Amino acid sequence: MPSRNERIALLAEANRARTARKRGHVQDALRAMHKAGLTINVSTVAVRAGVSRNFIYQQADLLSSVQRSADTQPGRLDRPRSSSSSSEASLRSRLVTALDALAASRQEAQELSAKVERLTGEVARLMVLVPMEGDEGTRTGRTQANARI
């Protein structure tokens, strides 16, 4: 039986071979799709090559090749990249809306905090003025409450 280090080395070699096969599949698919004039993007190349999109994203050089091929497709040059101006404008609009909602929530929280402070003070004032039930009149409500604690 091979030692632990030998088994690890065998697994590492198998992993390298599998990765090399997948890389070859991606490169072959990319060439074929480019030659056929098919739409090229990470998803279509991954499907054609039989690999996951994640695999392509993890291989920086393959990702770069896919993006270059996509950019050189006829009709592609006039289309914006993934961060199109309309998407950016939409995201900026959503950000402004979220920031406005956050500011309104903070203002409301401050107002509610002030209201709680005011009502707490009112409760404390009433506890001093109003005798509690069963009081013979010798202790105020606040004194009784403190005595219970």
C-alpha atoms as a PDB file:
ATOM      1  CA  MET A   1       0.000   0.000   0.000  1.00  0.00           C
ATOM      2  CA  PRO A   2       1.387   3.444  -0.924  1.00  0.00           C
ATOM      3  CA  SER A   3       2.319   5.779   1.895  1.00  0.00           C
ATOM      4  CA  ARG A   4       0.235   8.828   2.751  1.00  0.00           C
ATOM      5  CA  ASN A   5       2.633  11.151   0.886  1.00  0.00           C
ATOM      6  CA  GLU A   6       2.553   8.893  -2.183  1.00  0.00           C
ATOM      7  CA  ARG A   7      -1.263   8.887  -2.162  1.00  0.00           C
ATOM      8  CA  ILE A   8      -1.291  12.685  -1.881  1.00  0.00           C
ATOM      9  CA  ALA A   9       1.151  12.941  -4.790  1.00  0.00           C
ATOM     10  CA  LEU A  10      -1.020  10.618  -6.908  1.00  0.00           C
ATOM     11  CA  LEU A  11      -4.123  12.673  -6.138  1.00  0.00           C
ATOM     12  CA  ALA A  12      -2.328  15.911  -6.964  1.00  0.00           C
ATOM     13  CA  GLU A  13      -1.157  14.490 -10.305  1.00  0.00           C
ATOM     14  CA  ALA A  14      -4.683  13.288 -11.119  1.00  0.00           C
ATOM     15  CA  ASN A  15      -6.016  16.746 -10.276  1.00  0.00           C
ATOM     16  CA  ARG A  16      -3.436  18.415 -12.557  1.00  0.00           C
ATOM     17  CA  ALA A  17      -4.333  16.034 -15.399  1.00  0.00           C
ATOM     18  CA  ARG A  18      -8.080  16.683 -14.942  1.00  0.00           C
ATOM     19  CA  THR A  19      -7.506  20.434 -14.932  1.00  0.00           C
ATOM     20  CA  ALA A  20      -5.364  20.195 -18.092  1.00  0.00           C
ATOM     21  CA  ARG A  21      -8.134  18.208 -19.851  1.00  0.00           C
ATOM     22  CA  LYS A  22     -10.761  20.765 -18.837  1.00  0.00           C
ATOM     23  CA  ARG A  23      -8.551  23.631 -19.993  1.00  0.00           C
ATOM     24  CA  GLY A  24      -8.140  21.907 -23.352  1.00  0.00           C
ATOM     25  CA  HIS A  25     -11.910  21.487 -23.649  1.00  0.00           C
ATOM     26  CA  VAL A  26     -12.434  25.193 -22.970  1.00  0.00           C
ATOM     27  CA  GLN A  27      -9.807  26.250 -25.521  1.00  0.00           C
ATOM     28  CA  ASP A  28     -11.253  23.878 -28.163  1.00  0.00           C
ATOM     29  CA  ALA A  29     -14.786  25.141 -27.512  1.00  0.00           C
ATOM     30  CA  LEU A  30     -13.639  28.739 -27.716  1.00  0.00           C
ATOM     31  CA  ARG A  31     -11.917  28.194 -31.089  1.00  0.00           C
ATOM     32  CA  ALA A  32     -14.912  26.315 -32.499  1.00  0.00           C
ATOM     33  CA  MET A  33     -17.410  28.913 -31.315  1.00  0.00           C
ATOM     34  CA  HIS A  34     -15.325  31.768 -32.670  1.00  0.00           C
ATOM     35  CA  LYS A  35     -14.960  30.021 -36.034  1.00  0.00           C
ATOM     36  CA  ALA A  36     -18.709  29.292 -36.195  1.00  0.00           C
ATOM     37  CA  GLY A  37     -19.603  32.868 -35.228  1.00  0.00           C
ATOM     38  CA  LEU A  38     -21.545  31.775 -32.160  1.00  0.00           C
ATOM     39  CA  THR A  39     -22.196  34.047 -29.197  1.00  0.00           C
ATOM     40  CA  ILE A  40     -19.246  33.872 -26.843  1.00  0.00           C
ATOM     41  CA  ASN A  41     -19.501  34.474 -23.134  1.00  0.00           C
ATOM     42  CA  VAL A  42     -18.487  32.516 -20.046  1.00  0.00           C
ATOM     43  CA  SER A  43     -21.803  30.668 -19.841  1.00  0.00           C
ATOM     44  CA  THR A  44     -21.941  29.552 -23.473  1.00  0.00           C
ATOM     45  CA  VAL A  45     -18.295  28.473 -23.502  1.00  0.00           C
ATOM     46  CA  ALA A  46     -18.735  26.531 -20.251  1.00  0.00           C
ATOM     47  CA  VAL A  47     -21.744  24.655 -21.627  1.00  0.00           C
ATOM     48  CA  ARG A  48     -19.985  23.877 -24.897  1.00  0.00           C
ATOM     49  CA  ALA A  49     -16.807  22.732 -23.094  1.00  0.00           C
ATOM     50  CA  GLY A  50     -18.680  20.697 -20.487  1.00  0.00           C
ATOM     51  CA  VAL A  51     -17.196  22.576 -17.532  1.00  0.00           C
ATOM     52  CA  SER A  52     -18.646  24.840 -14.874  1.00  0.00           C
ATOM     53  CA  ARG A  53     -18.580  28.611 -15.222  1.00  0.00           C
ATOM     54  CA  ASN A  54     -16.719  28.673 -11.920  1.00  0.00           C
ATOM     55  CA  PHE A  55     -13.892  26.666 -13.517  1.00  0.00           C
ATOM     56  CA  ILE A  56     -13.445  29.354 -16.184  1.00  0.00           C
ATOM     57  CA  TYR A  57     -13.585  32.143 -13.623  1.00  0.00           C
ATOM     58  CA  GLN A  58     -10.886  30.394 -11.564  1.00  0.00           C
ATOM     59  CA  GLN A  59      -8.536  30.219 -14.582  1.00  0.00           C
ATOM     60  CA  ALA A  60      -7.512  33.848 -15.152  1.00  0.00           C
ATOM     61  CA  ASP A  61      -5.952  33.208 -18.563  1.00  0.00           C
ATOM     62  CA  LEU A  62      -9.015  31.307 -19.828  1.00  0.00           C
ATOM     63  CA  LEU A  63     -11.330  34.018 -18.559  1.00  0.00           C
ATOM     64  CA  SER A  64      -9.221  36.610 -20.331  1.00  0.00           C
ATOM     65  CA  SER A  65      -9.357  34.570 -23.567  1.00  0.00           C
ATOM     66  CA  VAL A  66     -13.135  34.291 -23.344  1.00  0.00           C
ATOM     67  CA  GLN A  67     -13.493  38.028 -22.762  1.00  0.00           C
ATOM     68  CA  ARG A  68     -11.123  38.889 -25.633  1.00  0.00           C
ATOM     69  CA  SER A  69     -13.008  36.570 -27.993  1.00  0.00           C
ATOM     70  CA  ALA A  70     -16.324  38.043 -26.908  1.00  0.00           C
ATOM     71  CA  ASP A  71     -15.012  41.565 -27.506  1.00  0.00           C
ATOM     72  CA  THR A  72     -13.873  40.738 -31.049  1.00  0.00           C
ATOM     73  CA  GLN A  73     -17.197  39.273 -32.153  1.00  0.00           C
ATOM     74  CA  PRO A  74     -18.965  41.179 -34.934  1.00  0.00           C
ATOM     75  CA  GLY A  75     -21.444  43.638 -33.448  1.00  0.00           C
ATOM     76  CA  ARG A  76     -19.894  43.285 -30.003  1.00  0.00           C
ATOM     77  CA  LEU A  77     -17.815  46.447 -30.030  1.00  0.00           C
ATOM     78  CA  ASP A  78     -20.816  48.734 -29.866  1.00  0.00           C
ATOM     79  CA  ARG A  79     -22.268  46.911 -26.854  1.00  0.00           C
ATOM     80  CA  PRO A  80     -21.187  48.028 -23.383  1.00  0.00           C
ATOM     81  CA  ARG A  81     -19.337  45.671 -21.019  1.00  0.00           C
ATOM     82  CA  SER A  82     -21.007  44.235 -17.949  1.00  0.00           C
ATOM     83  CA  SER A  83     -20.933  47.559 -16.113  1.00  0.00           C
ATOM     84  CA  SER A  84     -23.149  49.330 -18.640  1.00  0.00           C
ATOM     85  CA  SER A  85     -24.170  52.896 -18.003  1.00  0.00           C
ATOM     86  CA  SER A  86     -27.831  51.925 -17.556  1.00  0.00           C
ATOM     87  CA  SER A  87     -26.917  49.310 -14.945  1.00  0.00           C
ATOM     88  CA  GLU A  88     -24.667  51.783 -13.186  1.00  0.00           C
ATOM     89  CA  ALA A  89     -27.378  54.437 -13.254  1.00  0.00           C
ATOM     90  CA  SER A  90     -29.875  51.952 -11.844  1.00  0.00           C
ATOM     91  CA  LEU A  91     -27.506  50.957  -9.053  1.00  0.00           C
ATOM     92  CA  ARG A  92     -26.772  54.592  -8.236  1.00  0.00           C
ATOM     93  CA  SER A  93     -30.481  55.346  -8.087  1.00  0.00           C
ATOM     94  CA  ARG A  94     -31.083  52.396  -5.773  1.00  0.00           C
ATOM     95  CA  LEU A  95     -28.175  53.520  -3.584  1.00  0.00           C
ATOM     96  CA  VAL A  96     -29.570  57.058  -3.289  1.00  0.00           C
ATOM     97  CA  THR A  97     -32.990  55.639  -2.386  1.00  0.00           C
ATOM     98  CA  ALA A  98     -31.458  53.345   0.247  1.00  0.00           C
ATOM     99  CA  LEU A  99     -29.404  56.190   1.735  1.00  0.00           C
ATOM    100  CA  ASP A 100     -32.501  58.409   1.894  1.00  0.00           C
ATOM    101  CA  ALA A 101     -34.435  55.624   3.638  1.00  0.00           C
ATOM    102  CA  LEU A 102     -31.551  55.155   6.081  1.00  0.00           C
ATOM    103  CA  ALA A 103     -31.475  58.875   6.887  1.00  0.00           C
ATOM    104  CA  ALA A 104     -35.249  58.878   7.437  1.00  0.00           C
ATOM    105  CA  SER A 105     -34.949  55.839   9.722  1.00  0.00           C
ATOM    106  CA  ARG A 106     -32.216  57.501  11.748  1.00  0.00           C
ATOM    107  CA  GLN A 107     -34.336  60.633  12.142  1.00  0.00           C
ATOM    108  CA  GLU A 108     -37.311  58.542  13.215  1.00  0.00           C
ATOM    109  CA  ALA A 109     -35.136  56.645  15.721  1.00  0.00           C
ATOM    110  CA  GLN A 110     -33.935  59.939  17.235  1.00  0.00           C
ATOM    111  CA  GLU A 111     -37.502  61.209  17.525  1.00  0.00           C
ATOM    112  CA  LEU A 112     -38.659  57.954  19.139  1.00  0.00           C
ATOM    113  CA  SER A 113     -35.717  58.031  21.538  1.00  0.00           C
ATOM    114  CA  ALA A 114     -36.640  61.562  22.600  1.00  0.00           C
ATOM    115  CA  LYS A 115     -40.253  60.472  23.037  1.00  0.00           C
ATOM    116  CA  VAL A 116     -39.206  57.502  25.208  1.00  0.00           C
ATOM    117  CA  GLU A 117     -37.081  59.796  27.386  1.00  0.00           C
ATOM    118  CA  ARG A 118     -39.978  62.219  27.760  1.00  0.00           C
ATOM    119  CA  LEU A 119     -42.451  59.444  28.646  1.00  0.00           C
ATOM    120  CA  THR A 120     -40.005  57.858  31.097  1.00  0.00           C
ATOM    121  CA  GLY A 121     -39.721  61.181  32.847  1.00  0.00           C
ATOM    122  CA  GLU A 122     -43.504  61.512  32.922  1.00  0.00           C
ATOM    123  CA  VAL A 123     -43.881  58.012  34.410  1.00  0.00           C
ATOM    124  CA  ALA A 124     -41.293  58.828  37.077  1.00  0.00           C
ATOM    125  CA  ARG A 125     -43.100  62.089  37.894  1.00  0.00           C
ATOM    126  CA  LEU A 126     -46.453  60.308  38.185  1.00  0.00           C
ATOM    127  CA  MET A 127     -44.980  57.603  40.417  1.00  0.00           C
ATOM    128  CA  VAL A 128     -43.934  60.289  42.866  1.00  0.00           C
ATOM    129  CA  LEU A 129     -47.299  62.047  42.811  1.00  0.00           C
ATOM    130  CA  VAL A 130     -49.751  59.141  42.804  1.00  0.00           C
ATOM    131  CA  PRO A 131     -49.880  56.775  45.802  1.00  0.00           C
ATOM    132  CA  MET A 132     -49.892  53.106  44.935  1.00  0.00           C
ATOM    133  CA  GLU A 133     -52.828  50.826  45.709  1.00  0.00           C
ATOM    134  CA  GLY A 134     -53.034  49.777  49.335  1.00  0.00           C
ATOM    135  CA  ASP A 135     -51.001  52.781  50.448  1.00  0.00           C
ATOM    136  CA  GLU A 136     -52.066  54.286  53.767  1.00  0.00           C
ATOM    137  CA  GLY A 137     -50.802  57.612  52.508  1.00  0.00           C
ATOM    138  CA  THR A 138     -47.444  57.392  54.208  1.00  0.00           C
ATOM    139  CA  ARG A 139     -45.389  56.419  51.189  1.00  0.00           C
ATOM    140  CA  THR A 140     -45.448  57.702  47.651  1.00  0.00           C
ATOM    141  CA  GLY A 141     -45.671  55.343  44.695  1.00  0.00           C
ATOM    142  CA  ARG A 142     -41.983  55.803  43.862  1.00  0.00           C
ATOM    143  CA  THR A 143     -40.869  55.084  47.409  1.00  0.00           C
ATOM    144  CA  GLN A 144     -42.969  51.915  47.437  1.00  0.00           C
ATOM    145  CA  ALA A 145     -41.566  50.833  44.081  1.00  0.00           C
ATOM    146  CA  ASN A 146     -38.018  51.374  45.341  1.00  0.00           C
ATOM    147  CA  ALA A 147     -38.816  49.451  48.542  1.00  0.00           C
ATOM    148  CA  ARG A 148     -39.993  46.467  46.491  1.00  0.00           C
ATOM    149  CA  ILE A 149     -36.758  46.361  44.560  1.00  0.00           C
END
